[in-house]
Amino acid sequence: MPKIQITDTRGLEQKVGTGVVIDSSVDSTLNMDVHSVITATSQHSAAGTLSVKIDKGIHHYPIIHTGPAPAASLATGAHTLTAVNLSKGYCIVTANATSVAVTMPTKAHIIALFGGSSNITVGDSIEWSLHNAGTTVNQSLVLTANTGQAVPANIAGKVGANAADASSATVGGSSTGVFQTRVTNVDGSTTTIRLA
């Protein structure tokens, strides 16, 4: 099969090689079965907007993710997450007291994260991590609900400090929590569960 290339400026072209290349800045929906590697990128998305959606179907094979390096700590102390924060996939906050609140984004930020009100779909979800860069034992982060957001209760919503000696810690486990946030209503409401 010859290589097919689709571009904004030249349309559909036949090229030397095999496969399909889409080099386009237009909004498009592409449904295809892929049995090897798919590289999906967007150089035209605004920061804080998810630009690629992969529906794994019923097979649920692992997906290799490539993304930006984690940013420096977003805050020392309480912080409200934004669409831009979650779109990076790895959020770092430094606890500076016992039970520091890290509040989920507003519904407007969730809608923006999933590409706007015409693109957000009930059932869409993202996996992301919250890391506590604090090093003082018993200074934990606590994931906190915003309007329309449900979060894990009790210990599942807490991320312990990255303390060298955690023998007296009241919050056990890793200093990084892995969460899944699932859209439950197109108004930006979500439910977040802890995966690890």
C-alpha atoms as a PDB file:
ATOM      1  CA  MET A   1       0.000   0.000   0.000  1.00  0.00           C
ATOM      2  CA  PRO A   2       1.453   3.413  -0.881  1.00  0.00           C
ATOM      3  CA  LYS A   3       1.865   6.088   1.750  1.00  0.00           C
ATOM      4  CA  ILE A   4      -1.039   8.526   1.954  1.00  0.00           C
ATOM      5  CA  GLN A   5      -0.455  12.022   3.356  1.00  0.00           C
ATOM      6  CA  ILE A   6      -3.196  14.485   4.276  1.00  0.00           C
ATOM      7  CA  THR A   7      -2.224  18.132   4.779  1.00  0.00           C
ATOM      8  CA  ASP A   8      -4.069  21.420   5.205  1.00  0.00           C
ATOM      9  CA  THR A   9      -2.424  23.026   2.215  1.00  0.00           C
ATOM     10  CA  ARG A  10      -2.251  20.226  -0.347  1.00  0.00           C
ATOM     11  CA  GLY A  11      -5.076  17.889   0.619  1.00  0.00           C
ATOM     12  CA  LEU A  12      -4.642  14.172  -0.087  1.00  0.00           C
ATOM     13  CA  GLU A  13      -1.353  13.072  -1.650  1.00  0.00           C
ATOM     14  CA  GLN A  14       0.291   9.779  -2.494  1.00  0.00           C
ATOM     15  CA  LYS A  15       3.892   9.521  -1.258  1.00  0.00           C
ATOM     16  CA  VAL A  16       6.721   7.024  -1.371  1.00  0.00           C
ATOM     17  CA  GLY A  17       6.552   4.529   1.499  1.00  0.00           C
ATOM     18  CA  THR A  18       3.661   2.972   3.385  1.00  0.00           C
ATOM     19  CA  GLY A  19       1.083   4.075   5.934  1.00  0.00           C
ATOM     20  CA  VAL A  20      -1.026   7.155   6.489  1.00  0.00           C
ATOM     21  CA  VAL A  21       0.290  10.537   7.639  1.00  0.00           C
ATOM     22  CA  ILE A  22      -2.060  13.303   8.738  1.00  0.00           C
ATOM     23  CA  ASP A  23      -0.389  16.702   8.980  1.00  0.00           C
ATOM     24  CA  SER A  24      -3.316  18.955   9.681  1.00  0.00           C
ATOM     25  CA  SER A  25      -4.244  21.818  11.967  1.00  0.00           C
ATOM     26  CA  VAL A  26      -7.973  21.374  11.293  1.00  0.00           C
ATOM     27  CA  ASP A  27     -10.266  19.730  13.830  1.00  0.00           C
ATOM     28  CA  SER A  28     -10.980  16.184  12.753  1.00  0.00           C
ATOM     29  CA  THR A  29     -12.258  12.890  14.053  1.00  0.00           C
ATOM     30  CA  LEU A  30     -10.269   9.854  13.021  1.00  0.00           C
ATOM     31  CA  ASN A  31     -11.454   6.344  13.832  1.00  0.00           C
ATOM     32  CA  MET A  32      -9.131   3.509  12.898  1.00  0.00           C
ATOM     33  CA  ASP A  33      -7.810   0.203  14.131  1.00  0.00           C
ATOM     34  CA  VAL A  34      -4.102   0.348  14.896  1.00  0.00           C
ATOM     35  CA  HIS A  35      -2.105  -2.798  15.540  1.00  0.00           C
ATOM     36  CA  SER A  36       1.302  -1.283  16.186  1.00  0.00           C
ATOM     37  CA  VAL A  37       2.260   2.291  17.080  1.00  0.00           C
ATOM     38  CA  ILE A  38       0.148   5.404  16.722  1.00  0.00           C
ATOM     39  CA  THR A  39       1.688   8.794  17.321  1.00  0.00           C
ATOM     40  CA  ALA A  40      -0.905  11.474  17.916  1.00  0.00           C
ATOM     41  CA  THR A  41       0.251  15.031  18.451  1.00  0.00           C
ATOM     42  CA  SER A  42      -1.165  18.484  18.188  1.00  0.00           C
ATOM     43  CA  GLN A  43       0.968  21.562  17.843  1.00  0.00           C
ATOM     44  CA  HIS A  44      -2.076  23.804  17.707  1.00  0.00           C
ATOM     45  CA  SER A  45      -3.764  23.114  21.056  1.00  0.00           C
ATOM     46  CA  ALA A  46      -4.004  25.689  23.763  1.00  0.00           C
ATOM     47  CA  ALA A  47      -2.258  24.924  27.041  1.00  0.00           C
ATOM     48  CA  GLY A  48      -4.525  23.054  29.411  1.00  0.00           C
ATOM     49  CA  THR A  49      -6.543  21.312  26.695  1.00  0.00           C
ATOM     50  CA  LEU A  50      -6.301  17.588  26.064  1.00  0.00           C
ATOM     51  CA  SER A  51      -5.790  17.250  22.328  1.00  0.00           C
ATOM     52  CA  VAL A  52      -5.618  13.496  21.788  1.00  0.00           C
ATOM     53  CA  LYS A  53      -8.177  10.908  22.854  1.00  0.00           C
ATOM     54  CA  ILE A  54      -7.513   7.185  22.572  1.00  0.00           C
ATOM     55  CA  ASP A  55     -10.406   4.807  23.222  1.00  0.00           C
ATOM     56  CA  LYS A  56      -8.777   1.497  24.156  1.00  0.00           C
ATOM     57  CA  GLY A  57     -11.947  -0.508  23.643  1.00  0.00           C
ATOM     58  CA  ILE A  58     -12.450  -3.820  25.396  1.00  0.00           C
ATOM     59  CA  HIS A  59      -8.875  -5.088  25.196  1.00  0.00           C
ATOM     60  CA  HIS A  60      -7.373  -2.619  27.709  1.00  0.00           C
ATOM     61  CA  TYR A  61      -3.787  -3.177  26.644  1.00  0.00           C
ATOM     62  CA  PRO A  62      -1.224  -0.935  28.350  1.00  0.00           C
ATOM     63  CA  ILE A  63      -0.533   2.334  26.582  1.00  0.00           C
ATOM     64  CA  ILE A  64       2.896   3.971  26.565  1.00  0.00           C
ATOM     65  CA  HIS A  65       2.563   7.645  27.430  1.00  0.00           C
ATOM     66  CA  THR A  66       5.054  10.323  26.444  1.00  0.00           C
ATOM     67  CA  GLY A  67       4.610  13.737  27.970  1.00  0.00           C
ATOM     68  CA  PRO A  68       6.341  16.808  29.302  1.00  0.00           C
ATOM     69  CA  ALA A  69       8.724  16.665  32.244  1.00  0.00           C
ATOM     70  CA  PRO A  70       7.107  17.530  35.575  1.00  0.00           C
ATOM     71  CA  ALA A  71       7.126  21.209  36.398  1.00  0.00           C
ATOM     72  CA  ALA A  72       8.568  22.545  39.618  1.00  0.00           C
ATOM     73  CA  SER A  73       6.324  22.653  42.669  1.00  0.00           C
ATOM     74  CA  LEU A  74       3.095  24.486  41.825  1.00  0.00           C
ATOM     75  CA  ALA A  75       2.791  25.870  45.343  1.00  0.00           C
ATOM     76  CA  THR A  76       4.039  25.651  48.884  1.00  0.00           C
ATOM     77  CA  GLY A  77       0.869  25.230  50.878  1.00  0.00           C
ATOM     78  CA  ALA A  78      -2.717  25.075  49.635  1.00  0.00           C
ATOM     79  CA  HIS A  79      -3.305  25.078  45.874  1.00  0.00           C
ATOM     80  CA  THR A  80      -6.288  24.835  43.527  1.00  0.00           C
ATOM     81  CA  LEU A  81      -5.490  22.733  40.469  1.00  0.00           C
ATOM     82  CA  THR A  82      -6.195  24.105  36.981  1.00  0.00           C
ATOM     83  CA  ALA A  83      -6.762  22.578  33.554  1.00  0.00           C
ATOM     84  CA  VAL A  84      -3.140  23.361  32.693  1.00  0.00           C
ATOM     85  CA  ASN A  85      -1.925  21.553  35.833  1.00  0.00           C
ATOM     86  CA  LEU A  86      -3.912  18.379  35.095  1.00  0.00           C
ATOM     87  CA  SER A  87      -3.033  18.398  31.397  1.00  0.00           C
ATOM     88  CA  LYS A  88       0.632  17.929  32.374  1.00  0.00           C
ATOM     89  CA  GLY A  89      -0.309  14.665  34.113  1.00  0.00           C
ATOM     90  CA  TYR A  90       2.027  15.144  37.102  1.00  0.00           C
ATOM     91  CA  CYS A  91       1.310  17.816  39.708  1.00  0.00           C
ATOM     92  CA  ILE A  92       3.811  18.695  42.446  1.00  0.00           C
ATOM     93  CA  VAL A  93       2.737  20.601  45.555  1.00  0.00           C
ATOM     94  CA  THR A  94       4.844  21.116  48.681  1.00  0.00           C
ATOM     95  CA  ALA A  95       3.040  20.583  51.983  1.00  0.00           C
ATOM     96  CA  ASN A  96       4.050  23.061  54.669  1.00  0.00           C
ATOM     97  CA  ALA A  97       1.579  22.068  57.401  1.00  0.00           C
ATOM     98  CA  THR A  98      -0.608  19.165  58.477  1.00  0.00           C
ATOM     99  CA  SER A  99      -3.328  18.314  55.917  1.00  0.00           C
ATOM    100  CA  VAL A 100      -2.690  20.925  53.199  1.00  0.00           C
ATOM    101  CA  ALA A 101      -5.627  21.201  50.768  1.00  0.00           C
ATOM    102  CA  VAL A 102      -5.085  20.564  47.072  1.00  0.00           C
ATOM    103  CA  THR A 103      -8.445  21.469  45.552  1.00  0.00           C
ATOM    104  CA  MET A 104      -9.760  19.965  42.331  1.00  0.00           C
ATOM    105  CA  PRO A 105     -10.264  22.319  39.362  1.00  0.00           C
ATOM    106  CA  THR A 106     -13.519  24.181  38.849  1.00  0.00           C
ATOM    107  CA  LYS A 107     -16.093  22.736  36.455  1.00  0.00           C
ATOM    108  CA  ALA A 108     -15.108  25.398  33.896  1.00  0.00           C
ATOM    109  CA  HIS A 109     -11.499  24.169  34.039  1.00  0.00           C
ATOM    110  CA  ILE A 110     -12.624  20.541  33.566  1.00  0.00           C
ATOM    111  CA  ILE A 111     -14.676  21.535  30.497  1.00  0.00           C
ATOM    112  CA  ALA A 112     -11.650  23.387  29.089  1.00  0.00           C
ATOM    113  CA  LEU A 113      -9.402  20.391  29.865  1.00  0.00           C
ATOM    114  CA  PHE A 114     -11.535  18.113  27.718  1.00  0.00           C
ATOM    115  CA  GLY A 115     -11.641  20.529  24.776  1.00  0.00           C
ATOM    116  CA  GLY A 116     -14.705  22.639  25.499  1.00  0.00           C
ATOM    117  CA  SER A 117     -18.424  22.084  25.947  1.00  0.00           C
ATOM    118  CA  SER A 118     -18.851  20.575  22.471  1.00  0.00           C
ATOM    119  CA  ASN A 119     -16.179  17.906  23.109  1.00  0.00           C
ATOM    120  CA  ILE A 120     -16.568  16.834  26.749  1.00  0.00           C
ATOM    121  CA  THR A 121     -18.249  13.431  27.058  1.00  0.00           C
ATOM    122  CA  VAL A 122     -19.562  11.544  30.079  1.00  0.00           C
ATOM    123  CA  GLY A 123     -17.158   8.673  30.685  1.00  0.00           C
ATOM    124  CA  ASP A 124     -14.026  10.481  29.475  1.00  0.00           C
ATOM    125  CA  SER A 125     -11.268  10.162  32.036  1.00  0.00           C
ATOM    126  CA  ILE A 126      -7.659  11.060  32.677  1.00  0.00           C
ATOM    127  CA  GLU A 127      -5.020   9.555  34.926  1.00  0.00           C
ATOM    128  CA  TRP A 128      -2.743  11.955  36.737  1.00  0.00           C
ATOM    129  CA  SER A 129      -0.378  12.031  39.694  1.00  0.00           C
ATOM    130  CA  LEU A 130      -0.081  14.274  42.729  1.00  0.00           C
ATOM    131  CA  HIS A 131       3.355  14.394  44.370  1.00  0.00           C
ATOM    132  CA  ASN A 132       4.058  15.842  47.799  1.00  0.00           C
ATOM    133  CA  ALA A 133       7.489  17.507  47.646  1.00  0.00           C
ATOM    134  CA  GLY A 134       7.325  18.289  51.359  1.00  0.00           C
ATOM    135  CA  THR A 135       9.923  16.472  53.444  1.00  0.00           C
ATOM    136  CA  THR A 136       8.552  17.006  56.950  1.00  0.00           C
ATOM    137  CA  VAL A 137       6.827  13.939  58.367  1.00  0.00           C
ATOM    138  CA  ASN A 138       3.058  14.322  58.943  1.00  0.00           C
ATOM    139  CA  GLN A 139       2.749  17.253  56.532  1.00  0.00           C
ATOM    140  CA  SER A 140       0.417  15.668  53.998  1.00  0.00           C
ATOM    141  CA  LEU A 141      -1.571  16.863  51.006  1.00  0.00           C
ATOM    142  CA  VAL A 142      -5.330  16.266  51.046  1.00  0.00           C
ATOM    143  CA  LEU A 143      -7.221  16.134  47.749  1.00  0.00           C
ATOM    144  CA  THR A 144     -10.276  18.356  48.246  1.00  0.00           C
ATOM    145  CA  ALA A 145     -13.508  18.605  46.262  1.00  0.00           C
ATOM    146  CA  ASN A 146     -14.536  21.676  44.322  1.00  0.00           C
ATOM    147  CA  THR A 147     -18.170  22.294  43.292  1.00  0.00           C
ATOM    148  CA  GLY A 148     -19.361  19.272  41.295  1.00  0.00           C
ATOM    149  CA  GLN A 149     -16.237  17.208  42.025  1.00  0.00           C
ATOM    150  CA  ALA A 150     -16.271  14.013  44.107  1.00  0.00           C
ATOM    151  CA  VAL A 151     -12.934  12.939  45.600  1.00  0.00           C
ATOM    152  CA  PRO A 152     -11.727   9.996  47.702  1.00  0.00           C
ATOM    153  CA  ALA A 153     -12.417  10.231  51.418  1.00  0.00           C
ATOM    154  CA  ASN A 154     -10.143   9.611  54.377  1.00  0.00           C
ATOM    155  CA  ILE A 155      -6.682   8.144  53.782  1.00  0.00           C
ATOM    156  CA  ALA A 156      -7.293   7.571  50.034  1.00  0.00           C
ATOM    157  CA  GLY A 157      -7.353  11.321  49.491  1.00  0.00           C
ATOM    158  CA  LYS A 158      -4.118  11.990  51.386  1.00  0.00           C
ATOM    159  CA  VAL A 159      -0.590  12.044  49.957  1.00  0.00           C
ATOM    160  CA  GLY A 160       2.144  11.701  52.583  1.00  0.00           C
ATOM    161  CA  ALA A 161       5.345  13.690  52.821  1.00  0.00           C
ATOM    162  CA  ASN A 162       8.572  12.579  51.169  1.00  0.00           C
ATOM    163  CA  ALA A 163      10.227  12.335  54.599  1.00  0.00           C
ATOM    164  CA  ALA A 164      13.566  10.602  55.121  1.00  0.00           C
ATOM    165  CA  ASP A 165      12.287   9.053  58.356  1.00  0.00           C
ATOM    166  CA  ALA A 166       8.594   8.226  58.135  1.00  0.00           C
ATOM    167  CA  SER A 167       8.503   5.929  61.188  1.00  0.00           C
ATOM    168  CA  SER A 168       6.177   8.332  63.028  1.00  0.00           C
ATOM    169  CA  ALA A 169       4.020   9.147  60.012  1.00  0.00           C
ATOM    170  CA  THR A 170       0.258   9.186  60.474  1.00  0.00           C
ATOM    171  CA  VAL A 171      -0.232   9.072  56.686  1.00  0.00           C
ATOM    172  CA  GLY A 172       1.445   6.032  55.186  1.00  0.00           C
ATOM    173  CA  GLY A 173       2.262   5.099  51.634  1.00  0.00           C
ATOM    174  CA  SER A 174       4.029   6.793  48.799  1.00  0.00           C
ATOM    175  CA  SER A 175       4.635  10.517  48.503  1.00  0.00           C
ATOM    176  CA  THR A 176       2.960  10.276  45.072  1.00  0.00           C
ATOM    177  CA  GLY A 177      -0.703   9.412  44.579  1.00  0.00           C
ATOM    178  CA  VAL A 178      -2.051   8.254  41.205  1.00  0.00           C
ATOM    179  CA  PHE A 179      -5.633   9.281  40.509  1.00  0.00           C
ATOM    180  CA  GLN A 180      -8.250   8.812  37.789  1.00  0.00           C
ATOM    181  CA  THR A 181     -10.705  11.639  37.187  1.00  0.00           C
ATOM    182  CA  ARG A 182     -13.827  10.633  35.225  1.00  0.00           C
ATOM    183  CA  VAL A 183     -16.392  13.021  33.744  1.00  0.00           C
ATOM    184  CA  THR A 184     -19.854  12.332  35.202  1.00  0.00           C
ATOM    185  CA  ASN A 185     -21.735  15.237  33.614  1.00  0.00           C
ATOM    186  CA  VAL A 186     -21.010  17.481  30.633  1.00  0.00           C
ATOM    187  CA  ASP A 187     -21.296  20.448  32.995  1.00  0.00           C
ATOM    188  CA  GLY A 188     -17.775  19.534  34.192  1.00  0.00           C
ATOM    189  CA  SER A 189     -18.701  17.404  37.175  1.00  0.00           C
ATOM    190  CA  THR A 190     -16.285  14.547  37.885  1.00  0.00           C
ATOM    191  CA  THR A 191     -15.544  11.663  40.206  1.00  0.00           C
ATOM    192  CA  THR A 192     -11.931  11.055  41.160  1.00  0.00           C
ATOM    193  CA  ILE A 193     -10.670   7.748  42.521  1.00  0.00           C
ATOM    194  CA  ARG A 194      -7.228   6.815  43.772  1.00  0.00           C
ATOM    195  CA  LEU A 195      -5.467   4.143  41.746  1.00  0.00           C
ATOM    196  CA  ALA A 196      -2.215   3.925  43.710  1.00  0.00           C
END
